[in-house]
């Protein structure tokens, strides 16, 4: 199974990529949380500090996740099961002025 992950702004700088394809082996269901953990292993401290709250270990609330262009509340999104070929976009907060 493979999942594409799209990075924007700061995460694009952290990873050095716009998109990455992650491959998972076996029949086990893959969740958004599993994808984030794999990315944390791959990209280390900078990724972890941007995505996770240092005190609670939870994903920071300002991040939004889209699967195939659809948004789901973060609390539900982390346990969402992904399918082969899904595209996960990690969207940072939008600023403006």
Protein backbone atom coordinates (compact mmCIF):
# COMPACT_ATOMS: atom_id res chain seq x y z
CA UNK A 1 0.00 0.00 0.00
CA UNK A 2 1.20 3.50 -0.71
CA UNK A 3 0.11 6.95 0.40
CA UNK A 4 1.24 10.27 -1.06
CA UNK A 5 1.92 13.07 1.42
CA UNK A 6 1.97 16.70 0.29
CA UNK A 7 3.94 19.29 2.24
CA UNK A 8 3.43 23.05 2.35
CA UNK A 9 5.44 26.03 3.66
CA UNK A 10 7.50 25.09 6.74
CA UNK A 11 7.11 21.35 6.27
CA UNK A 12 8.29 21.72 2.69
CA UNK A 13 11.44 23.33 4.08
CA UNK A 14 11.84 20.64 6.76
CA UNK A 15 11.49 17.76 4.30
CA UNK A 16 13.02 19.43 1.26
CA UNK A 17 10.11 18.05 -0.77
CA UNK A 18 6.69 19.03 -2.07
CA UNK A 19 5.45 15.45 -1.97
CA UNK A 20 6.58 12.06 -0.78
CA UNK A 21 5.22 8.58 -1.37
CA UNK A 22 5.25 6.29 1.66
CA UNK A 23 4.93 2.54 1.25
CA UNK A 24 3.48 0.30 3.94
CA UNK A 25 3.76 -3.49 4.02
CA UNK A 26 1.20 -6.02 5.15
CA UNK A 27 -2.55 -6.14 5.55
CA UNK A 28 -2.67 -3.85 8.56
CA UNK A 29 -4.78 -0.70 8.24
CA UNK A 30 -2.79 2.50 7.82
CA UNK A 31 -3.99 5.63 9.62
CA UNK A 32 -3.03 9.29 9.37
CA UNK A 33 -1.37 8.91 12.77
CA UNK A 34 0.83 6.10 11.40
CA UNK A 35 1.84 8.29 8.46
CA UNK A 36 2.82 11.14 10.80
CA UNK A 37 4.86 8.79 12.96
CA UNK A 38 6.70 7.44 9.91
CA UNK A 39 7.45 11.00 8.79
CA UNK A 40 8.66 11.89 12.31
CA UNK A 41 11.10 8.97 12.18
CA UNK A 42 12.32 9.99 8.75
CA UNK A 43 12.66 13.76 9.31
CA UNK A 44 13.47 13.90 13.01
CA UNK A 45 13.43 16.76 15.44
CA UNK A 46 12.40 19.58 13.07
CA UNK A 47 9.37 17.66 11.89
CA UNK A 48 8.39 16.57 15.41
CA UNK A 49 8.70 20.10 16.78
CA UNK A 50 6.51 21.52 14.01
CA UNK A 51 3.78 18.85 14.14
CA UNK A 52 3.62 17.77 17.79
CA UNK A 53 3.03 19.70 21.02
CA UNK A 54 6.15 19.17 23.16
CA UNK A 55 4.19 19.06 26.42
CA UNK A 56 1.30 16.80 25.43
CA UNK A 57 2.71 14.84 22.49
CA UNK A 58 -0.50 15.56 20.58
CA UNK A 59 -0.64 16.92 17.04
CA UNK A 60 -0.80 20.71 17.12
CA UNK A 61 -4.31 22.02 16.68
CA UNK A 62 -3.38 24.62 14.06
CA UNK A 63 -2.58 21.95 11.47
CA UNK A 64 -5.28 20.83 9.08
CA UNK A 65 -5.23 17.52 7.24
CA UNK A 66 -6.93 16.77 3.96
CA UNK A 67 -7.33 13.28 2.55
CA UNK A 68 -8.02 13.37 -1.16
CA UNK A 69 -9.01 17.03 -0.77
CA UNK A 70 -11.53 16.44 2.02
CA UNK A 71 -11.20 17.88 5.50
CA UNK A 72 -12.06 16.07 8.72
CA UNK A 73 -11.73 17.39 12.30
CA UNK A 74 -8.20 16.72 13.59
CA UNK A 75 -9.51 14.62 16.49
CA UNK A 76 -11.08 12.17 14.01
CA UNK A 77 -8.48 12.55 11.29
CA UNK A 78 -5.63 10.88 13.16
CA UNK A 79 -7.45 7.55 13.35
CA UNK A 80 -8.84 7.77 9.81
CA UNK A 81 -7.97 4.68 7.80
CA UNK A 82 -6.30 5.36 4.49
CA UNK A 83 -6.63 3.43 1.26
CA UNK A 84 -4.02 2.59 -1.33
CA UNK A 85 -3.30 5.67 -3.43
CA UNK A 86 -4.77 8.21 -1.00
CA UNK A 87 -3.24 11.69 -0.89
CA UNK A 88 -2.70 13.27 2.53
CA UNK A 89 -2.04 17.01 2.56
CA UNK A 90 -0.70 18.62 5.74
CA UNK A 91 -1.91 22.23 5.70
CA UNK A 92 -0.36 24.86 7.99
CA UNK A 93 -2.29 27.81 9.39
CA UNK A 94 -3.18 30.50 6.89
CA UNK A 95 -1.86 33.94 7.65
CA UNK A 96 -2.56 37.11 5.88
CA UNK A 97 -2.60 40.78 6.02
